PDB file of N, CA and C in Angstrom:
ATOM      1  N   MET A   1       0.346  74.845  15.207  1.00  0.00           N
ATOM      2  CA  MET A   1       0.407  74.453  16.317  1.00  0.00           C
ATOM      3  C   MET A   1       1.945  74.248  16.715  1.00  0.00           C
ATOM      4  N   ILE A   2       2.464  74.854  17.742  1.00  0.00           N
ATOM      5  CA  ILE A   2       3.700  74.785  18.183  1.00  0.00           C
ATOM      6  C   ILE A   2       3.955  74.042  19.331  1.00  0.00           C
ATOM      7  N   LEU A   3       4.906  73.020  19.523  1.00  0.00           N
ATOM      8  CA  LEU A   3       5.203  72.087  20.378  1.00  0.00           C
ATOM      9  C   LEU A   3       6.670  72.135  20.901  1.00  0.00           C
ATOM     10  N   PRO A   4       6.907  71.871  22.097  1.00  0.00           N
ATOM     11  CA  PRO A   4       7.996  71.674  22.720  1.00  0.00           C
ATOM     12  C   PRO A   4       8.845  70.617  21.877  1.00  0.00           C
ATOM     13  N   GLY A   5      10.190  70.852  21.798  1.00  0.00           N
ATOM     14  CA  GLY A   5      10.929  69.619  21.213  1.00  0.00           C
ATOM     15  C   GLY A   5      10.730  69.694  19.791  1.00  0.00           C
ATOM     16  N   GLU A   6      10.154  70.857  19.085  1.00  0.00           N
ATOM     17  CA  GLU A   6      10.173  71.105  17.616  1.00  0.00           C
ATOM     18  C   GLU A   6      11.296  72.165  17.139  1.00  0.00           C
ATOM     19  N   PHE A   7      11.771  71.779  16.051  1.00  0.00           N
ATOM     20  CA  PHE A   7      12.732  72.966  15.429  1.00  0.00           C
ATOM     21  C   PHE A   7      11.932  73.858  14.594  1.00  0.00           C
ATOM     22  N   TRP A   8      11.962  75.196  14.723  1.00  0.00           N
ATOM     23  CA  TRP A   8      11.455  76.193  13.870  1.00  0.00           C
ATOM     24  C   TRP A   8      12.511  77.252  13.510  1.00  0.00           C
ATOM     25  N   LEU A   9      12.274  77.718  12.379  1.00  0.00           N
ATOM     26  CA  LEU A   9      12.956  78.827  11.657  1.00  0.00           C
ATOM     27  C   LEU A   9      12.444  80.233  12.480  1.00  0.00           C
ATOM     28  N   ALA A  10      13.331  80.829  12.935  1.00  0.00           N
ATOM     29  CA  ALA A  10      12.924  82.232  13.553  1.00  0.00           C
ATOM     30  C   ALA A  10      14.221  83.307  13.190  1.00  0.00           C
ATOM     31  N   ASP A  11      13.757  84.438  13.141  1.00  0.00           N
ATOM     32  CA  ASP A  11      14.839  85.642  13.191  1.00  0.00           C
ATOM     33  C   ASP A  11      15.337  85.869  14.497  1.00  0.00           C
ATOM     34  N   ILE A  12      16.529  85.383  14.873  1.00  0.00           N
ATOM     35  CA  ILE A  12      17.160  85.680  15.950  1.00  0.00           C
ATOM     36  C   ILE A  12      18.274  86.609  16.071  1.00  0.00           C
ATOM     37  N   LEU A  13      18.045  87.579  16.918  1.00  0.00           N
ATOM     38  CA  LEU A  13      19.078  88.736  16.938  1.00  0.00           C
ATOM     39  C   LEU A  13      20.343  88.238  17.510  1.00  0.00           C
ATOM     40  N   PHE A  14      21.429  88.944  16.782  1.00  0.00           N
ATOM     41  CA  PHE A  14      22.780  88.799  17.290  1.00  0.00           C
ATOM     42  C   PHE A  14      22.887  89.451  18.637  1.00  0.00           C
ATOM     43  N   THR A  15      23.730  88.775  19.529  1.00  0.00           N
ATOM     44  CA  THR A  15      23.858  89.368  20.890  1.00  0.00           C
ATOM     45  C   THR A  15      24.058  90.713  21.093  1.00  0.00           C
ATOM     46  N   ASP A  16      24.697  91.573  19.994  1.00  0.00           N
ATOM     47  CA  ASP A  16      24.787  92.960  20.164  1.00  0.00           C
ATOM     48  C   ASP A  16      23.579  93.774  19.558  1.00  0.00           C
ATOM     49  N   GLY A  17      22.562  92.951  19.123  1.00  0.00           N
ATOM     50  CA  GLY A  17      21.411  93.619  18.666  1.00  0.00           C
ATOM     51  C   GLY A  17      21.360  94.334  17.368  1.00  0.00           C
ATOM     52  N   SER A  18      22.558  93.894  16.712  1.00  0.00           N
ATOM     53  CA  SER A  18      22.796  94.852  15.441  1.00  0.00           C
ATOM     54  C   SER A  18      21.741  94.322  14.278  1.00  0.00           C
ATOM     55  N   ARG A  19      21.506  93.031  14.149  1.00  0.00           N
ATOM     56  CA  ARG A  19      20.492  92.540  13.211  1.00  0.00           C
ATOM     57  C   ARG A  19      20.231  91.124  13.429  1.00  0.00           C
ATOM     58  N   PRO A  20      18.982  90.885  12.876  1.00  0.00           N
ATOM     59  CA  PRO A  20      18.577  89.391  13.198  1.00  0.00           C
ATOM     60  C   PRO A  20      19.212  88.577  12.096  1.00  0.00           C
ATOM     61  N   LYS A  21      19.267  87.296  12.381  1.00  0.00           N
ATOM     62  CA  LYS A  21      19.731  86.115  11.422  1.00  0.00           C
ATOM     63  C   LYS A  21      18.718  85.116  11.408  1.00  0.00           C
ATOM     64  N   ARG A  22      18.290  84.667  10.347  1.00  0.00           N
ATOM     65  CA  ARG A  22      17.407  83.427  10.128  1.00  0.00           C
ATOM     66  C   ARG A  22      18.006  82.061  10.436  1.00  0.00           C
ATOM     67  N   ARG A  23      17.482  81.617  11.633  1.00  0.00           N
ATOM     68  CA  ARG A  23      18.173  80.298  11.872  1.00  0.00           C
ATOM     69  C   ARG A  23      16.995  79.372  12.678  1.00  0.00           C
ATOM     70  N   PRO A  24      17.600  77.972  12.672  1.00  0.00           N
ATOM     71  CA  PRO A  24      16.623  77.152  13.353  1.00  0.00           C
ATOM     72  C   PRO A  24      16.792  77.424  14.777  1.00  0.00           C
ATOM     73  N   ALA A  25      15.724  76.948  15.538  1.00  0.00           N
ATOM     74  CA  ALA A  25      15.580  77.128  17.192  1.00  0.00           C
ATOM     75  C   ALA A  25      14.829  76.032  17.589  1.00  0.00           C
ATOM     76  N   LEU A  26      15.281  75.541  18.679  1.00  0.00           N
ATOM     77  CA  LEU A  26      14.609  74.378  19.329  1.00  0.00           C
ATOM     78  C   LEU A  26      13.686  75.045  20.391  1.00  0.00           C
ATOM     79  N   VAL A  27      12.484  74.740  20.293  1.00  0.00           N
ATOM     80  CA  VAL A  27      11.495  74.968  21.130  1.00  0.00           C
ATOM     81  C   VAL A  27      11.515  74.243  22.531  1.00  0.00           C
ATOM     82  N   LEU A  28      11.935  74.716  23.578  1.00  0.00           N
ATOM     83  CA  LEU A  28      12.087  74.366  24.860  1.00  0.00           C
ATOM     84  C   LEU A  28      10.887  74.180  25.523  1.00  0.00           C
ATOM     85  N   TRP A  29      10.145  75.200  25.912  1.00  0.00           N
ATOM     86  CA  TRP A  29       8.730  75.113  26.307  1.00  0.00           C
ATOM     87  C   TRP A  29       7.915  76.377  25.940  1.00  0.00           C
ATOM     88  N   LEU A  30       6.802  76.435  26.262  1.00  0.00           N
ATOM     89  CA  LEU A  30       5.775  77.337  25.927  1.00  0.00           C
ATOM     90  C   LEU A  30       5.179  78.185  27.100  1.00  0.00           C
ATOM     91  N   ASP A  31       5.363  79.465  27.033  1.00  0.00           N
ATOM     92  CA  ASP A  31       4.738  80.281  28.218  1.00  0.00           C
ATOM     93  C   ASP A  31       3.814  81.364  27.706  1.00  0.00           C
ATOM     94  N   ALA A  32       2.532  80.962  27.987  1.00  0.00           N
ATOM     95  CA  ALA A  32       1.439  81.738  27.337  1.00  0.00           C
ATOM     96  C   ALA A  32       1.608  82.081  25.869  1.00  0.00           C
ATOM     97  N   GLU A  33       1.921  83.173  25.365  1.00  0.00           N
ATOM     98  CA  GLU A  33       1.970  83.417  23.976  1.00  0.00           C
ATOM     99  C   GLU A  33       3.483  83.382  23.409  1.00  0.00           C
ATOM    100  N   ASP A  34       4.399  83.059  24.400  1.00  0.00           N
ATOM    101  CA  ASP A  34       5.778  83.079  24.096  1.00  0.00           C
ATOM    102  C   ASP A  34       6.167  81.715  24.068  1.00  0.00           C
ATOM    103  N   ALA A  35       7.418  81.633  23.272  1.00  0.00           N
ATOM    104  CA  ALA A  35       8.155  80.336  23.290  1.00  0.00           C
ATOM    105  C   ALA A  35       9.547  80.564  23.609  1.00  0.00           C
ATOM    106  N   ILE A  36       9.950  79.654  24.556  1.00  0.00           N
ATOM    107  CA  ILE A  36      11.339  79.861  25.023  1.00  0.00           C
ATOM    108  C   ILE A  36      12.246  78.884  24.262  1.00  0.00           C
ATOM    109  N   VAL A  37      13.109  79.337  23.255  1.00  0.00           N
ATOM    110  CA  VAL A  37      14.008  78.692  22.393  1.00  0.00           C
ATOM    111  C   VAL A  37      15.569  78.551  22.766  1.00  0.00           C
ATOM    112  N   ALA A  38      16.070  77.572  22.268  1.00  0.00           N
ATOM    113  CA  ALA A  38      17.371  77.777  22.069  1.00  0.00           C
ATOM    114  C   ALA A  38      17.960  77.534  20.597  1.00  0.00           C
ATOM    115  N   VAL A  39      19.066  78.265  20.608  1.00  0.00           N
ATOM    116  CA  VAL A  39      19.490  78.736  19.261  1.00  0.00           C
ATOM    117  C   VAL A  39      20.151  77.423  18.803  1.00  0.00           C
ATOM    118  N   VAL A  40      20.003  77.262  17.586  1.00  0.00           N
ATOM    119  CA  VAL A  40      20.912  75.920  16.729  1.00  0.00           C
ATOM    120  C   VAL A  40      21.733  76.493  15.885  1.00  0.00           C
ATOM    121  N   THR A  41      22.857  76.035  15.880  1.00  0.00           N
ATOM    122  CA  THR A  41      23.949  76.576  14.972  1.00  0.00           C
ATOM    123  C   THR A  41      24.765  75.563  14.255  1.00  0.00           C
ATOM    124  N   SER A  42      25.307  75.856  13.074  1.00  0.00           N
ATOM    125  CA  SER A  42      26.017  74.824  12.569  1.00  0.00           C
ATOM    126  C   SER A  42      27.643  74.853  13.054  1.00  0.00           C
ATOM    127  N   ALA A  43      27.731  75.664  14.064  1.00  0.00           N
ATOM    128  CA  ALA A  43      29.208  75.702  14.485  1.00  0.00           C
ATOM    129  C   ALA A  43      29.402  74.342  15.490  1.00  0.00           C
ATOM    130  N   ALA A  44      30.635  73.984  15.635  1.00  0.00           N
ATOM    131  CA  ALA A  44      30.922  72.935  16.562  1.00  0.00           C
ATOM    132  C   ALA A  44      30.715  73.425  18.044  1.00  0.00           C
ATOM    133  N   PRO A  45      30.578  72.502  18.990  1.00  0.00           N
ATOM    134  CA  PRO A  45      30.230  72.983  20.365  1.00  0.00           C
ATOM    135  C   PRO A  45      31.447  73.546  20.863  1.00  0.00           C
ATOM    136  N   ARG A  46      31.234  74.678  21.811  1.00  0.00           N
ATOM    137  CA  ARG A  46      32.247  75.542  22.432  1.00  0.00           C
ATOM    138  C   ARG A  46      32.272  75.564  23.705  1.00  0.00           C
ATOM    139  N   SER A  47      31.449  75.008  24.453  1.00  0.00           N
ATOM    140  CA  SER A  47      31.223  74.951  25.873  1.00  0.00           C
ATOM    141  C   SER A  47      30.342  73.706  26.454  1.00  0.00           C
ATOM    142  N   ARG A  48      30.521  73.303  27.547  1.00  0.00           N
ATOM    143  CA  ARG A  48      29.817  72.261  28.075  1.00  0.00           C
ATOM    144  C   ARG A  48      28.149  72.339  27.936  1.00  0.00           C
ATOM    145  N   THR A  49      27.696  73.492  27.614  1.00  0.00           N
ATOM    146  CA  THR A  49      26.173  73.665  27.546  1.00  0.00           C
ATOM    147  C   THR A  49      25.793  73.708  26.012  1.00  0.00           C
ATOM    148  N   ASP A  50      26.677  73.173  25.206  1.00  0.00           N
ATOM    149  CA  ASP A  50      26.407  73.051  23.789  1.00  0.00           C
ATOM    150  C   ASP A  50      26.152  71.542  23.387  1.00  0.00           C
ATOM    151  N   VAL A  51      25.258  71.218  22.799  1.00  0.00           N
ATOM    152  CA  VAL A  51      24.995  69.702  22.529  1.00  0.00           C
ATOM    153  C   VAL A  51      24.813  69.356  21.051  1.00  0.00           C
ATOM    154  N   SER A  52      25.804  68.627  20.736  1.00  0.00           N
ATOM    155  CA  SER A  52      25.892  68.310  19.331  1.00  0.00           C
ATOM    156  C   SER A  52      24.778  67.328  19.095  1.00  0.00           C
ATOM    157  N   LEU A  53      24.071  67.389  17.808  1.00  0.00           N
ATOM    158  CA  LEU A  53      22.912  66.663  17.445  1.00  0.00           C
ATOM    159  C   LEU A  53      23.332  65.444  16.554  1.00  0.00           C
ATOM    160  N   VAL A  54      23.089  64.291  16.917  1.00  0.00           N
ATOM    161  CA  VAL A  54      23.462  62.922  16.175  1.00  0.00           C
ATOM    162  C   VAL A  54      22.435  62.735  15.144  1.00  0.00           C
ATOM    163  N   ASP A  55      21.032  63.134  15.441  1.00  0.00           N
ATOM    164  CA  ASP A  55      20.225  62.782  14.475  1.00  0.00           C
ATOM    165  C   ASP A  55      19.709  64.054  13.883  1.00  0.00           C
ATOM    166  N   TRP A  56      20.651  65.033  13.273  1.00  0.00           N
ATOM    167  CA  TRP A  56      20.199  66.379  12.890  1.00  0.00           C
ATOM    168  C   TRP A  56      19.422  66.130  11.602  1.00  0.00           C
ATOM    169  N   ALA A  57      19.667  65.242  10.650  1.00  0.00           N
ATOM    170  CA  ALA A  57      19.223  64.949   9.289  1.00  0.00           C
ATOM    171  C   ALA A  57      17.752  64.572   9.592  1.00  0.00           C
ATOM    172  N   ALA A  58      17.414  63.476  10.399  1.00  0.00           N
ATOM    173  CA  ALA A  58      16.297  62.984  10.641  1.00  0.00           C
ATOM    174  C   ALA A  58      15.383  64.137  11.408  1.00  0.00           C
ATOM    175  N   SER A  59      15.772  65.104  12.007  1.00  0.00           N
ATOM    176  CA  SER A  59      15.101  66.196  12.436  1.00  0.00           C
ATOM    177  C   SER A  59      14.788  67.231  11.586  1.00  0.00           C
ATOM    178  N   GLY A  60      15.120  67.088  10.392  1.00  0.00           N
ATOM    179  CA  GLY A  60      14.895  68.139   9.577  1.00  0.00           C
ATOM    180  C   GLY A  60      15.933  69.230   9.114  1.00  0.00           C
ATOM    181  N   LEU A  61      16.985  69.070   9.791  1.00  0.00           N
ATOM    182  CA  LEU A  61      17.858  70.186   9.643  1.00  0.00           C
ATOM    183  C   LEU A  61      18.777  69.921   8.710  1.00  0.00           C
ATOM    184  N   ARG A  62      19.374  70.874   8.040  1.00  0.00           N
ATOM    185  CA  ARG A  62      19.906  70.701   6.700  1.00  0.00           C
ATOM    186  C   ARG A  62      21.649  70.420   6.709  1.00  0.00           C
ATOM    187  N   MET A  63      22.080  70.758   8.013  1.00  0.00           N
ATOM    188  CA  MET A  63      23.437  70.321   8.207  1.00  0.00           C
ATOM    189  C   MET A  63      23.778  69.912   9.648  1.00  0.00           C
ATOM    190  N   ALA A  64      24.946  69.376   9.985  1.00  0.00           N
ATOM    191  CA  ALA A  64      25.275  69.106  11.326  1.00  0.00           C
ATOM    192  C   ALA A  64      25.031  69.985  12.140  1.00  0.00           C
ATOM    193  N   SER A  65      24.383  69.873  13.434  1.00  0.00           N
ATOM    194  CA  SER A  65      24.135  71.077  14.148  1.00  0.00           C
ATOM    195  C   SER A  65      24.123  70.892  15.652  1.00  0.00           C
ATOM    196  N   THR A  66      24.284  71.874  16.161  1.00  0.00           N
ATOM    197  CA  THR A  66      24.633  72.086  17.643  1.00  0.00           C
ATOM    198  C   THR A  66      23.553  72.957  18.376  1.00  0.00           C
ATOM    199  N   VAL A  67      22.747  72.420  19.451  1.00  0.00           N
ATOM    200  CA  VAL A  67      21.877  73.451  20.285  1.00  0.00           C
ATOM    201  C   VAL A  67      22.864  74.065  21.067  1.00  0.00           C
ATOM    202  N   ARG A  68      22.683  75.324  21.246  1.00  0.00           N
ATOM    203  CA  ARG A  68      23.402  76.090  22.157  1.00  0.00           C
ATOM    204  C   ARG A  68      22.504  76.556  23.345  1.00  0.00           C
ATOM    205  N   LEU A  69      22.482  75.867  24.374  1.00  0.00           N
ATOM    206  CA  LEU A  69      21.666  76.062  25.651  1.00  0.00           C
ATOM    207  C   LEU A  69      21.936  77.182  26.236  1.00  0.00           C
ATOM    208  N   SER A  70      23.179  77.908  25.947  1.00  0.00           N
ATOM    209  CA  SER A  70      23.569  79.155  26.666  1.00  0.00           C
ATOM    210  C   SER A  70      22.876  80.399  25.836  1.00  0.00           C
ATOM    211  N   ARG A  71      22.346  80.214  24.723  1.00  0.00           N
ATOM    212  CA  ARG A  71      21.534  81.123  24.033  1.00  0.00           C
ATOM    213  C   ARG A  71      20.158  80.978  23.930  1.00  0.00           C
ATOM    214  N   LEU A  72      19.402  81.386  25.110  1.00  0.00           N
ATOM    215  CA  LEU A  72      17.838  81.067  25.101  1.00  0.00           C
ATOM    216  C   LEU A  72      17.390  82.659  24.626  1.00  0.00           C
ATOM    217  N   ASP A  73      16.291  82.438  24.029  1.00  0.00           N
ATOM    218  CA  ASP A  73      15.443  83.586  23.711  1.00  0.00           C
ATOM    219  C   ASP A  73      14.002  83.151  24.029  1.00  0.00           C
ATOM    220  N   SER A  74      13.367  84.335  24.238  1.00  0.00           N
ATOM    221  CA  SER A  74      11.766  84.341  24.672  1.00  0.00           C
ATOM    222  C   SER A  74      11.260  85.050  23.582  1.00  0.00           C
ATOM    223  N   LEU A  75      10.717  84.211  22.458  1.00  0.00           N
ATOM    224  CA  LEU A  75      10.037  84.950  21.381  1.00  0.00           C
ATOM    225  C   LEU A  75       8.485  84.814  21.249  1.00  0.00           C
ATOM    226  N   GLU A  76       7.796  85.758  20.979  1.00  0.00           N
ATOM    227  CA  GLU A  76       6.345  85.597  20.649  1.00  0.00           C
ATOM    228  C   GLU A  76       6.317  84.481  19.643  1.00  0.00           C
ATOM    229  N   GLN A  77       5.273  83.568  19.883  1.00  0.00           N
ATOM    230  CA  GLN A  77       5.208  82.608  18.900  1.00  0.00           C
ATOM    231  C   GLN A  77       4.698  82.973  17.646  1.00  0.00           C
ATOM    232  N   SER A  78       4.160  83.938  17.449  1.00  0.00           N
ATOM    233  CA  SER A  78       3.978  84.534  16.220  1.00  0.00           C
ATOM    234  C   SER A  78       5.223  84.753  15.225  1.00  0.00           C
ATOM    235  N   LEU A  79       6.376  84.924  16.058  1.00  0.00           N
ATOM    236  CA  LEU A  79       7.511  85.126  15.263  1.00  0.00           C
ATOM    237  C   LEU A  79       8.470  83.883  14.783  1.00  0.00           C
ATOM    238  N   LEU A  80       7.871  82.833  15.068  1.00  0.00           N
ATOM    239  CA  LEU A  80       8.349  81.527  14.662  1.00  0.00           C
ATOM    240  C   LEU A  80       7.755  81.159  13.200  1.00  0.00           C
ATOM    241  N   ILE A  81       8.684  81.173  12.255  1.00  0.00           N
ATOM    242  CA  ILE A  81       8.429  81.397  10.790  1.00  0.00           C
ATOM    243  C   ILE A  81       7.814  80.082  10.154  1.00  0.00           C
ATOM    244  N   ARG A  82       8.507  79.004  10.316  1.00  0.00           N
ATOM    245  CA  ARG A  82       8.214  77.737   9.725  1.00  0.00           C
ATOM    246  C   ARG A  82       8.782  76.522  10.659  1.00  0.00           C
ATOM    247  N   ARG A  83       8.023  75.378  10.765  1.00  0.00           N
ATOM    248  CA  ARG A  83       8.350  74.181  11.491  1.00  0.00           C
ATOM    249  C   ARG A  83       9.468  73.534  10.443  1.00  0.00           C
ATOM    250  N   VAL A  84      10.377  73.069  11.020  1.00  0.00           N
ATOM    251  CA  VAL A  84      11.406  72.479  10.320  1.00  0.00           C
ATOM    252  C   VAL A  84      11.562  70.839  10.645  1.00  0.00           C
ATOM    253  N   GLY A  85      11.243  70.667  11.913  1.00  0.00           N
ATOM    254  CA  GLY A  85      11.108  69.085  12.343  1.00  0.00           C
ATOM    255  C   GLY A  85      10.999  68.979  13.819  1.00  0.00           C
ATOM    256  N   ALA A  86      11.347  67.893  14.128  1.00  0.00           N
ATOM    257  CA  ALA A  86      11.312  67.655  15.769  1.00  0.00           C
ATOM    258  C   ALA A  86      12.597  66.936  16.101  1.00  0.00           C
ATOM    259  N   ILE A  87      12.926  67.142  17.403  1.00  0.00           N
ATOM    260  CA  ILE A  87      14.047  66.420  18.006  1.00  0.00           C
ATOM    261  C   ILE A  87      13.968  64.880  18.220  1.00  0.00           C
ATOM    262  N   SER A  88      15.051  64.168  17.914  1.00  0.00           N
ATOM    263  CA  SER A  88      14.893  62.815  18.264  1.00  0.00           C
ATOM    264  C   SER A  88      14.958  62.440  19.691  1.00  0.00           C
ATOM    265  N   ALA A  89      14.373  61.334  20.132  1.00  0.00           N
ATOM    266  CA  ALA A  89      14.360  60.904  21.458  1.00  0.00           C
ATOM    267  C   ALA A  89      15.758  60.918  22.138  1.00  0.00           C
ATOM    268  N   ALA A  90      16.885  60.342  21.336  1.00  0.00           N
ATOM    269  CA  ALA A  90      18.281  60.345  21.881  1.00  0.00           C
ATOM    270  C   ALA A  90      18.705  61.766  21.936  1.00  0.00           C
ATOM    271  N   ASP A  91      18.573  62.589  21.008  1.00  0.00           N
ATOM    272  CA  ASP A  91      19.074  63.965  20.943  1.00  0.00           C
ATOM    273  C   ASP A  91      18.354  64.532  22.115  1.00  0.00           C
ATOM    274  N   GLY A  92      17.063  64.442  22.301  1.00  0.00           N
ATOM    275  CA  GLY A  92      16.338  65.039  23.310  1.00  0.00           C
ATOM    276  C   GLY A  92      16.827  64.773  24.736  1.00  0.00           C
ATOM    277  N   ASP A  93      17.056  63.505  24.980  1.00  0.00           N
ATOM    278  CA  ASP A  93      17.607  62.924  26.088  1.00  0.00           C
ATOM    279  C   ASP A  93      19.006  63.692  26.399  1.00  0.00           C
ATOM    280  N   ALA A  94      19.986  63.855  25.418  1.00  0.00           N
ATOM    281  CA  ALA A  94      21.220  64.577  25.669  1.00  0.00           C
ATOM    282  C   ALA A  94      21.000  65.953  26.037  1.00  0.00           C
ATOM    283  N   VAL A  95      19.959  66.587  25.436  1.00  0.00           N
ATOM    284  CA  VAL A  95      19.759  68.129  25.739  1.00  0.00           C
ATOM    285  C   VAL A  95      19.351  68.117  27.227  1.00  0.00           C
ATOM    286  N   LYS A  96      18.355  67.377  27.547  1.00  0.00           N
ATOM    287  CA  LYS A  96      17.814  67.244  28.861  1.00  0.00           C
ATOM    288  C   LYS A  96      19.074  66.886  29.987  1.00  0.00           C
ATOM    289  N   GLN A  97      19.934  66.082  29.721  1.00  0.00           N
ATOM    290  CA  GLN A  97      20.991  65.598  30.673  1.00  0.00           C
ATOM    291  C   GLN A  97      21.906  66.923  30.665  1.00  0.00           C
ATOM    292  N   VAL A  98      21.975  67.631  29.765  1.00  0.00           N
ATOM    293  CA  VAL A  98      23.064  68.775  29.761  1.00  0.00           C
ATOM    294  C   VAL A  98      22.208  69.758  30.682  1.00  0.00           C
ATOM    295  N   TRP A  99      21.102  70.105  30.526  1.00  0.00           N
ATOM    296  CA  TRP A  99      20.301  70.968  31.170  1.00  0.00           C
ATOM    297  C   TRP A  99      20.354  70.771  32.462  1.00  0.00           C
ATOM    298  N   VAL A 100      20.082  69.570  33.099  1.00  0.00           N
ATOM    299  CA  VAL A 100      20.067  68.982  34.381  1.00  0.00           C
ATOM    300  C   VAL A 100      21.325  69.162  34.923  1.00  0.00           C
ATOM    301  N   ASN A 101      22.391  68.746  34.338  1.00  0.00           N
ATOM    302  CA  ASN A 101      23.736  68.649  34.900  1.00  0.00           C
ATOM    303  C   ASN A 101      24.442  70.166  34.889  1.00  0.00           C
ATOM    304  N   ASP A 102      24.203  70.985  33.878  1.00  0.00           N
ATOM    305  CA  ASP A 102      25.094  72.145  33.699  1.00  0.00           C
ATOM    306  C   ASP A 102      24.543  73.413  33.662  1.00  0.00           C
ATOM    307  N   LEU A 103      23.123  73.406  33.758  1.00  0.00           N
ATOM    308  CA  LEU A 103      22.517  74.866  33.724  1.00  0.00           C
ATOM    309  C   LEU A 103      21.722  75.171  34.915  1.00  0.00           C
ATOM    310  N   GLY A 104      21.355  76.316  35.270  1.00  0.00           N
ATOM    311  CA  GLY A 104      20.645  76.782  36.141  1.00  0.00           C
ATOM    312  C   GLY A 104      21.542  77.935  36.933  1.00  0.00           C
ATOM    313  N   PRO A 105      20.774  78.723  37.895  1.00  0.00           N
ATOM    314  CA  PRO A 105      21.520  79.750  38.642  1.00  0.00           C
ATOM    315  C   PRO A 105      22.839  79.346  39.342  1.00  0.00           C
ATOM    316  N   GLN A 106      23.738  80.085  39.164  1.00  0.00           N
ATOM    317  CA  GLN A 106      25.198  79.585  39.681  1.00  0.00           C
ATOM    318  C   GLN A 106      25.452  80.575  40.975  1.00  0.00           C
ATOM    319  N   PHE A 107      24.468  80.994  41.662  1.00  0.00           N
ATOM    320  CA  PHE A 107      24.666  81.562  42.966  1.00  0.00           C
ATOM    321  C   PHE A 107      24.359  80.770  44.150  1.00  0.00           C
TER     322      PHE A 107
END
């Protein structure tokens, strides 16, 4: 069973569609058979919509990680390969804060 707030491994396509890369993704919400996920990267934050995880190790991630809220994907739940862990309460609050303050339609 997949739940929002969990980290799962998934094959995420590069933005140019050239090939997928297996990487962790944070499940943000479920919509019928789809999971809306944010890409997780080991790269340092590069914009205000990137959230550096403090509790990455306790969350099951192998290295210091950043949730990239500017990289959302809608994946069929069947494409989520393996559960890695779950986001901590503190990191979850940080992600929610950035979502509320910095995301949404800008028109």
